């Protein structure tokens, strides 16, 4: 711990222009904006990924058969 931490008063957070910012309110608003990102970043189960890979492989196999048949 920095010994100067005890001597520094807690100042309210400010934005780039120096205006005070209600951090809790801002975070609650931002939560709605990040829902899509959270779904992309949050990993799904291994089984779901395996099922998706199997489905993609079936589609690839079907396309390869069509190409081989000349359709």
PDB file of N, CA and C in Angstrom:
ATOM      1  N   UNK A   1       0.842  -1.174   0.000  1.00  0.00           N
ATOM      2  CA  UNK A   1       0.000   0.000   0.000  1.00  0.00           C
ATOM      3  C   UNK A   1       0.889   1.240   0.000  1.00  0.00           C
ATOM      4  N   UNK A   2       0.487   2.231  -0.734  1.00  0.00           N
ATOM      5  CA  UNK A   2       1.219   3.480  -0.845  1.00  0.00           C
ATOM      6  C   UNK A   2       0.925   4.339   0.384  1.00  0.00           C
ATOM      7  N   UNK A   3       1.938   4.855   1.068  1.00  0.00           N
ATOM      8  CA  UNK A   3       1.685   5.654   2.272  1.00  0.00           C
ATOM      9  C   UNK A   3       0.933   6.947   1.956  1.00  0.00           C
ATOM     10  N   UNK A   4       0.972   7.434   0.738  1.00  0.00           N
ATOM     11  CA  UNK A   4       0.242   8.647   0.378  1.00  0.00           C
ATOM     12  C   UNK A   4      -1.251   8.411   0.211  1.00  0.00           C
ATOM     13  N   UNK A   5      -1.672   7.149   0.104  1.00  0.00           N
ATOM     14  CA  UNK A   5      -3.079   6.842  -0.067  1.00  0.00           C
ATOM     15  C   UNK A   5      -3.916   7.318   1.121  1.00  0.00           C
ATOM     16  N   UNK A   6      -3.365   7.231   2.300  1.00  0.00           N
ATOM     17  CA  UNK A   6      -4.101   7.643   3.490  1.00  0.00           C
ATOM     18  C   UNK A   6      -4.293   9.153   3.534  1.00  0.00           C
ATOM     19  N   UNK A   7      -3.439   9.926   2.911  1.00  0.00           N
ATOM     20  CA  UNK A   7      -3.489  11.374   2.970  1.00  0.00           C
ATOM     21  C   UNK A   7      -4.319  11.984   1.843  1.00  0.00           C
ATOM     22  N   UNK A   8      -4.598  11.220   0.779  1.00  0.00           N
ATOM     23  CA  UNK A   8      -5.333  11.739  -0.362  1.00  0.00           C
ATOM     24  C   UNK A   8      -6.832  11.620  -0.101  1.00  0.00           C
ATOM     25  N   UNK A   9      -7.574  12.748  -0.189  1.00  0.00           N
ATOM     26  CA  UNK A   9      -9.027  12.657   0.017  1.00  0.00           C
ATOM     27  C   UNK A   9      -9.685  11.971  -1.185  1.00  0.00           C
ATOM     28  N   UNK A  10     -10.819  11.340  -0.924  1.00  0.00           N
ATOM     29  CA  UNK A  10     -11.558  10.693  -1.996  1.00  0.00           C
ATOM     30  C   UNK A  10     -12.330  11.748  -2.775  1.00  0.00           C
ATOM     31  N   UNK A  11     -11.940  11.951  -4.011  1.00  0.00           N
ATOM     32  CA  UNK A  11     -12.614  12.911  -4.871  1.00  0.00           C
ATOM     33  C   UNK A  11     -13.632  12.168  -5.725  1.00  0.00           C
ATOM     34  N   UNK A  12     -14.771  12.808  -6.018  1.00  0.00           N
ATOM     35  CA  UNK A  12     -15.757  12.139  -6.871  1.00  0.00           C
ATOM     36  C   UNK A  12     -15.192  11.975  -8.285  1.00  0.00           C
ATOM     37  N   UNK A  13     -15.579  10.908  -8.966  1.00  0.00           N
ATOM     38  CA  UNK A  13     -15.078  10.695 -10.322  1.00  0.00           C
ATOM     39  C   UNK A  13     -15.600  11.786 -11.259  1.00  0.00           C
ATOM     40  N   UNK A  14     -14.763  12.175 -12.222  1.00  0.00           N
ATOM     41  CA  UNK A  14     -15.146  13.201 -13.186  1.00  0.00           C
ATOM     42  C   UNK A  14     -14.897  12.695 -14.596  1.00  0.00           C
ATOM     43  N   UNK A  15     -15.613  13.297 -15.560  1.00  0.00           N
ATOM     44  CA  UNK A  15     -15.379  12.939 -16.958  1.00  0.00           C
ATOM     45  C   UNK A  15     -14.248  13.789 -17.521  1.00  0.00           C
ATOM     46  N   UNK A  16     -14.006  13.712 -18.808  1.00  0.00           N
ATOM     47  CA  UNK A  16     -12.887  14.412 -19.428  1.00  0.00           C
ATOM     48  C   UNK A  16     -13.003  15.931 -19.300  1.00  0.00           C
ATOM     49  N   UNK A  17     -14.241  16.422 -19.215  1.00  0.00           N
ATOM     50  CA  UNK A  17     -14.426  17.868 -19.100  1.00  0.00           C
ATOM     51  C   UNK A  17     -14.389  18.349 -17.657  1.00  0.00           C
ATOM     52  N   UNK A  18     -14.255  17.429 -16.706  1.00  0.00           N
ATOM     53  CA  UNK A  18     -14.164  17.796 -15.298  1.00  0.00           C
ATOM     54  C   UNK A  18     -15.490  17.776 -14.566  1.00  0.00           C
ATOM     55  N   UNK A  19     -16.572  17.403 -15.250  1.00  0.00           N
ATOM     56  CA  UNK A  19     -17.890  17.334 -14.613  1.00  0.00           C
ATOM     57  C   UNK A  19     -18.012  16.040 -13.824  1.00  0.00           C
ATOM     58  N   UNK A  20     -18.685  16.085 -12.673  1.00  0.00           N
ATOM     59  CA  UNK A  20     -18.852  14.857 -11.880  1.00  0.00           C
ATOM     60  C   UNK A  20     -19.668  13.809 -12.635  1.00  0.00           C
ATOM     61  N   UNK A  21     -19.325  12.558 -12.405  1.00  0.00           N
ATOM     62  CA  UNK A  21     -19.995  11.453 -13.081  1.00  0.00           C
ATOM     63  C   UNK A  21     -20.573  10.515 -12.035  1.00  0.00           C
ATOM     64  N   UNK A  22     -21.855  10.149 -12.200  1.00  0.00           N
ATOM     65  CA  UNK A  22     -22.472   9.156 -11.337  1.00  0.00           C
ATOM     66  C   UNK A  22     -22.107   7.789 -11.903  1.00  0.00           C
ATOM     67  N   UNK A  23     -21.083   7.185 -11.341  1.00  0.00           N
ATOM     68  CA  UNK A  23     -20.518   5.953 -11.885  1.00  0.00           C
ATOM     69  C   UNK A  23     -21.521   4.808 -11.824  1.00  0.00           C
ATOM     70  N   UNK A  24     -22.279   4.702 -10.769  1.00  0.00           N
ATOM     71  CA  UNK A  24     -23.242   3.612 -10.628  1.00  0.00           C
ATOM     72  C   UNK A  24     -24.302   3.716 -11.707  1.00  0.00           C
ATOM     73  N   UNK A  25     -24.831   4.890 -11.908  1.00  0.00           N
ATOM     74  CA  UNK A  25     -25.860   5.083 -12.936  1.00  0.00           C
ATOM     75  C   UNK A  25     -25.290   4.782 -14.324  1.00  0.00           C
ATOM     76  N   UNK A  26     -24.078   5.243 -14.589  1.00  0.00           N
ATOM     77  CA  UNK A  26     -23.446   4.998 -15.881  1.00  0.00           C
ATOM     78  C   UNK A  26     -23.250   3.506 -16.111  1.00  0.00           C
ATOM     79  N   UNK A  27     -22.806   2.789 -15.099  1.00  0.00           N
ATOM     80  CA  UNK A  27     -22.589   1.349 -15.240  1.00  0.00           C
ATOM     81  C   UNK A  27     -23.892   0.606 -15.507  1.00  0.00           C
ATOM     82  N   UNK A  28     -24.968   1.027 -14.851  1.00  0.00           N
ATOM     83  CA  UNK A  28     -26.258   0.384 -15.079  1.00  0.00           C
ATOM     84  C   UNK A  28     -26.733   0.624 -16.510  1.00  0.00           C
ATOM     85  N   UNK A  29     -26.502   1.803 -17.048  1.00  0.00           N
ATOM     86  CA  UNK A  29     -26.878   2.101 -18.430  1.00  0.00           C
ATOM     87  C   UNK A  29     -26.004   1.314 -19.393  1.00  0.00           C
ATOM     88  N   UNK A  30     -24.727   1.203 -19.101  1.00  0.00           N
ATOM     89  CA  UNK A  30     -23.804   0.479 -19.972  1.00  0.00           C
ATOM     90  C   UNK A  30     -24.106  -1.012 -20.001  1.00  0.00           C
ATOM     91  N   UNK A  31     -24.664  -1.536 -18.949  1.00  0.00           N
ATOM     92  CA  UNK A  31     -24.964  -2.970 -18.883  1.00  0.00           C
ATOM     93  C   UNK A  31     -25.900  -3.372 -20.020  1.00  0.00           C
ATOM     94  N   UNK A  32     -26.884  -2.516 -20.340  1.00  0.00           N
ATOM     95  CA  UNK A  32     -27.804  -2.813 -21.428  1.00  0.00           C
ATOM     96  C   UNK A  32     -27.083  -2.807 -22.773  1.00  0.00           C
ATOM     97  N   UNK A  33     -26.098  -1.963 -22.928  1.00  0.00           N
ATOM     98  CA  UNK A  33     -25.387  -1.826 -24.192  1.00  0.00           C
ATOM     99  C   UNK A  33     -24.407  -2.964 -24.448  1.00  0.00           C
ATOM    100  N   UNK A  34     -24.047  -3.712 -23.428  1.00  0.00           N
ATOM    101  CA  UNK A  34     -23.029  -4.752 -23.594  1.00  0.00           C
ATOM    102  C   UNK A  34     -23.612  -6.158 -23.641  1.00  0.00           C
ATOM    103  N   UNK A  35     -24.906  -6.274 -23.647  1.00  0.00           N
ATOM    104  CA  UNK A  35     -25.517  -7.604 -23.604  1.00  0.00           C
ATOM    105  C   UNK A  35     -25.091  -8.452 -24.802  1.00  0.00           C
ATOM    106  N   UNK A  36     -25.084  -7.866 -26.002  1.00  0.00           N
ATOM    107  CA  UNK A  36     -24.666  -8.605 -27.189  1.00  0.00           C
ATOM    108  C   UNK A  36     -23.221  -9.034 -27.111  1.00  0.00           C
ATOM    109  N   UNK A  37     -22.378  -8.177 -26.610  1.00  0.00           N
ATOM    110  CA  UNK A  37     -20.951  -8.491 -26.476  1.00  0.00           C
ATOM    111  C   UNK A  37     -20.777  -9.619 -25.469  1.00  0.00           C
ATOM    112  N   UNK A  38     -21.516  -9.556 -24.375  1.00  0.00           N
ATOM    113  CA  UNK A  38     -21.409 -10.597 -23.355  1.00  0.00           C
ATOM    114  C   UNK A  38     -21.758 -11.965 -23.931  1.00  0.00           C
ATOM    115  N   UNK A  39     -22.763 -12.022 -24.801  1.00  0.00           N
ATOM    116  CA  UNK A  39     -23.155 -13.298 -25.387  1.00  0.00           C
ATOM    117  C   UNK A  39     -22.064 -13.843 -26.296  1.00  0.00           C
ATOM    118  N   UNK A  40     -21.378 -12.966 -26.982  1.00  0.00           N
ATOM    119  CA  UNK A  40     -20.308 -13.406 -27.884  1.00  0.00           C
ATOM    120  C   UNK A  40     -19.097 -13.880 -27.095  1.00  0.00           C
ATOM    121  N   UNK A  41     -18.761 -13.162 -26.049  1.00  0.00           N
ATOM    122  CA  UNK A  41     -17.553 -13.474 -25.282  1.00  0.00           C
ATOM    123  C   UNK A  41     -17.755 -14.671 -24.370  1.00  0.00           C
ATOM    124  N   UNK A  42     -18.937 -14.814 -23.803  1.00  0.00           N
ATOM    125  CA  UNK A  42     -19.198 -15.891 -22.857  1.00  0.00           C
ATOM    126  C   UNK A  42     -19.157 -17.234 -23.578  1.00  0.00           C
ATOM    127  N   UNK A  43     -18.278 -18.122 -23.177  1.00  0.00           N
ATOM    128  CA  UNK A  43     -18.172 -19.405 -23.879  1.00  0.00           C
ATOM    129  C   UNK A  43     -19.382 -20.286 -23.614  1.00  0.00           C
ATOM    130  N   UNK A  44     -19.795 -21.007 -24.626  1.00  0.00           N
ATOM    131  CA  UNK A  44     -20.872 -21.965 -24.434  1.00  0.00           C
ATOM    132  C   UNK A  44     -20.254 -23.322 -24.134  1.00  0.00           C
ATOM    133  N   UNK A  45     -21.087 -24.270 -23.882  1.00  0.00           N
ATOM    134  CA  UNK A  45     -20.574 -25.573 -23.474  1.00  0.00           C
ATOM    135  C   UNK A  45     -19.849 -26.257 -24.631  1.00  0.00           C
ATOM    136  N   UNK A  46     -18.983 -27.162 -24.294  1.00  0.00           N
ATOM    137  CA  UNK A  46     -18.234 -27.924 -25.289  1.00  0.00           C
ATOM    138  C   UNK A  46     -19.187 -28.744 -26.148  1.00  0.00           C
ATOM    139  N   UNK A  47     -20.214 -29.263 -25.539  1.00  0.00           N
ATOM    140  CA  UNK A  47     -21.179 -30.100 -26.271  1.00  0.00           C
ATOM    141  C   UNK A  47     -21.872 -29.288 -27.364  1.00  0.00           C
ATOM    142  N   UNK A  48     -22.230 -28.051 -27.078  1.00  0.00           N
ATOM    143  CA  UNK A  48     -22.879 -27.194 -28.079  1.00  0.00           C
ATOM    144  C   UNK A  48     -21.927 -26.960 -29.239  1.00  0.00           C
ATOM    145  N   UNK A  49     -20.670 -26.697 -28.937  1.00  0.00           N
ATOM    146  CA  UNK A  49     -19.670 -26.476 -29.986  1.00  0.00           C
ATOM    147  C   UNK A  49     -19.480 -27.746 -30.822  1.00  0.00           C
ATOM    148  N   UNK A  50     -19.492 -28.893 -30.183  1.00  0.00           N
ATOM    149  CA  UNK A  50     -19.355 -30.148 -30.909  1.00  0.00           C
ATOM    150  C   UNK A  50     -20.540 -30.367 -31.844  1.00  0.00           C
ATOM    151  N   UNK A  51     -21.738 -30.050 -31.366  1.00  0.00           N
ATOM    152  CA  UNK A  51     -22.930 -30.208 -32.199  1.00  0.00           C
ATOM    153  C   UNK A  51     -22.884 -29.257 -33.396  1.00  0.00           C
ATOM    154  N   UNK A  52     -22.440 -28.041 -33.174  1.00  0.00           N
ATOM    155  CA  UNK A  52     -22.328 -27.081 -34.276  1.00  0.00           C
ATOM    156  C   UNK A  52     -21.295 -27.552 -35.292  1.00  0.00           C
ATOM    157  N   UNK A  53     -20.181 -28.096 -34.815  1.00  0.00           N
ATOM    158  CA  UNK A  53     -19.136 -28.593 -35.716  1.00  0.00           C
ATOM    159  C   UNK A  53     -19.652 -29.783 -36.525  1.00  0.00           C
ATOM    160  N   UNK A  54     -20.414 -30.674 -35.900  1.00  0.00           N
ATOM    161  CA  UNK A  54     -20.978 -31.820 -36.613  1.00  0.00           C
ATOM    162  C   UNK A  54     -21.963 -31.363 -37.684  1.00  0.00           C
ATOM    163  N   UNK A  55     -22.778 -30.370 -37.360  1.00  0.00           N
ATOM    164  CA  UNK A  55     -23.743 -29.855 -38.329  1.00  0.00           C
ATOM    165  C   UNK A  55     -23.025 -29.200 -39.517  1.00  0.00           C
ATOM    166  N   UNK A  56     -21.982 -28.433 -39.231  1.00  0.00           N
ATOM    167  CA  UNK A  56     -21.207 -27.828 -40.313  1.00  0.00           C
ATOM    168  C   UNK A  56     -20.553 -28.896 -41.184  1.00  0.00           C
ATOM    169  N   UNK A  57     -20.044 -29.950 -40.564  1.00  0.00           N
ATOM    170  CA  UNK A  57     -19.411 -31.024 -41.328  1.00  0.00           C
ATOM    171  C   UNK A  57     -20.421 -31.715 -42.224  1.00  0.00           C
ATOM    172  N   UNK A  58     -21.648 -31.913 -41.739  1.00  0.00           N
ATOM    173  CA  UNK A  58     -22.697 -32.520 -42.567  1.00  0.00           C
ATOM    174  C   UNK A  58     -22.975 -31.646 -43.787  1.00  0.00           C
ATOM    175  N   UNK A  59     -23.021 -30.338 -43.592  1.00  0.00           N
ATOM    176  CA  UNK A  59     -23.269 -29.419 -44.709  1.00  0.00           C
ATOM    177  C   UNK A  59     -22.112 -29.445 -45.703  1.00  0.00           C
ATOM    178  N   UNK A  60     -20.882 -29.497 -45.197  1.00  0.00           N
ATOM    179  CA  UNK A  60     -19.712 -29.577 -46.070  1.00  0.00           C
ATOM    180  C   UNK A  60     -19.750 -30.867 -46.877  1.00  0.00           C
ATOM    181  N   UNK A  61     -20.075 -31.977 -46.218  1.00  0.00           N
ATOM    182  CA  UNK A  61     -20.168 -33.272 -46.906  1.00  0.00           C
ATOM    183  C   UNK A  61     -21.228 -33.222 -48.000  1.00  0.00           C
ATOM    184  N   UNK A  62     -22.361 -32.603 -47.719  1.00  0.00           N
ATOM    185  CA  UNK A  62     -23.438 -32.494 -48.700  1.00  0.00           C
ATOM    186  C   UNK A  62     -22.983 -31.678 -49.914  1.00  0.00           C
ATOM    187  N   UNK A  63     -22.313 -30.593 -49.676  1.00  0.00           N
ATOM    188  CA  UNK A  63     -21.809 -29.744 -50.774  1.00  0.00           C
ATOM    189  C   UNK A  63     -20.782 -30.506 -51.595  1.00  0.00           C
ATOM    190  N   UNK A  64     -19.888 -31.210 -50.916  1.00  0.00           N
ATOM    191  CA  UNK A  64     -18.876 -32.000 -51.637  1.00  0.00           C
ATOM    192  C   UNK A  64     -19.516 -33.077 -52.511  1.00  0.00           C
ATOM    193  N   UNK A  65     -20.582 -33.716 -52.015  1.00  0.00           N
ATOM    194  CA  UNK A  65     -21.289 -34.717 -52.817  1.00  0.00           C
ATOM    195  C   UNK A  65     -21.916 -34.086 -54.052  1.00  0.00           C
ATOM    196  N   UNK A  66     -22.518 -32.893 -53.868  1.00  0.00           N
ATOM    197  CA  UNK A  66     -23.133 -32.203 -55.000  1.00  0.00           C
ATOM    198  C   UNK A  66     -22.088 -31.813 -56.033  1.00  0.00           C
ATOM    199  N   UNK A  67     -20.926 -31.353 -55.582  1.00  0.00           N
ATOM    200  CA  UNK A  67     -19.854 -30.971 -56.507  1.00  0.00           C
ATOM    201  C   UNK A  67     -19.342 -32.211 -57.240  1.00  0.00           C
ATOM    202  N   UNK A  68     -19.193 -33.314 -56.526  1.00  0.00           N
ATOM    203  CA  UNK A  68     -18.693 -34.540 -57.137  1.00  0.00           C
ATOM    204  C   UNK A  68     -19.690 -35.093 -58.155  1.00  0.00           C
ATOM    205  N   UNK A  69     -20.994 -34.906 -57.904  1.00  0.00           N
ATOM    206  CA  UNK A  69     -22.026 -35.375 -58.822  1.00  0.00           C
ATOM    207  C   UNK A  69     -22.203 -34.443 -60.019  1.00  0.00           C
ATOM    208  N   UNK A  70     -21.653 -33.251 -59.925  1.00  0.00           N
ATOM    209  CA  UNK A  70     -21.754 -32.278 -61.013  1.00  0.00           C
ATOM    210  C   UNK A  70     -23.013 -31.425 -60.943  1.00  0.00           C
ATOM    211  N   UNK A  71     -23.667 -31.390 -59.826  1.00  0.00           N
ATOM    212  CA  UNK A  71     -24.893 -30.570 -59.688  1.00  0.00           C
ATOM    213  C   UNK A  71     -24.551 -29.204 -59.229  1.00  0.00           C
TER     214      UNK A  71
END
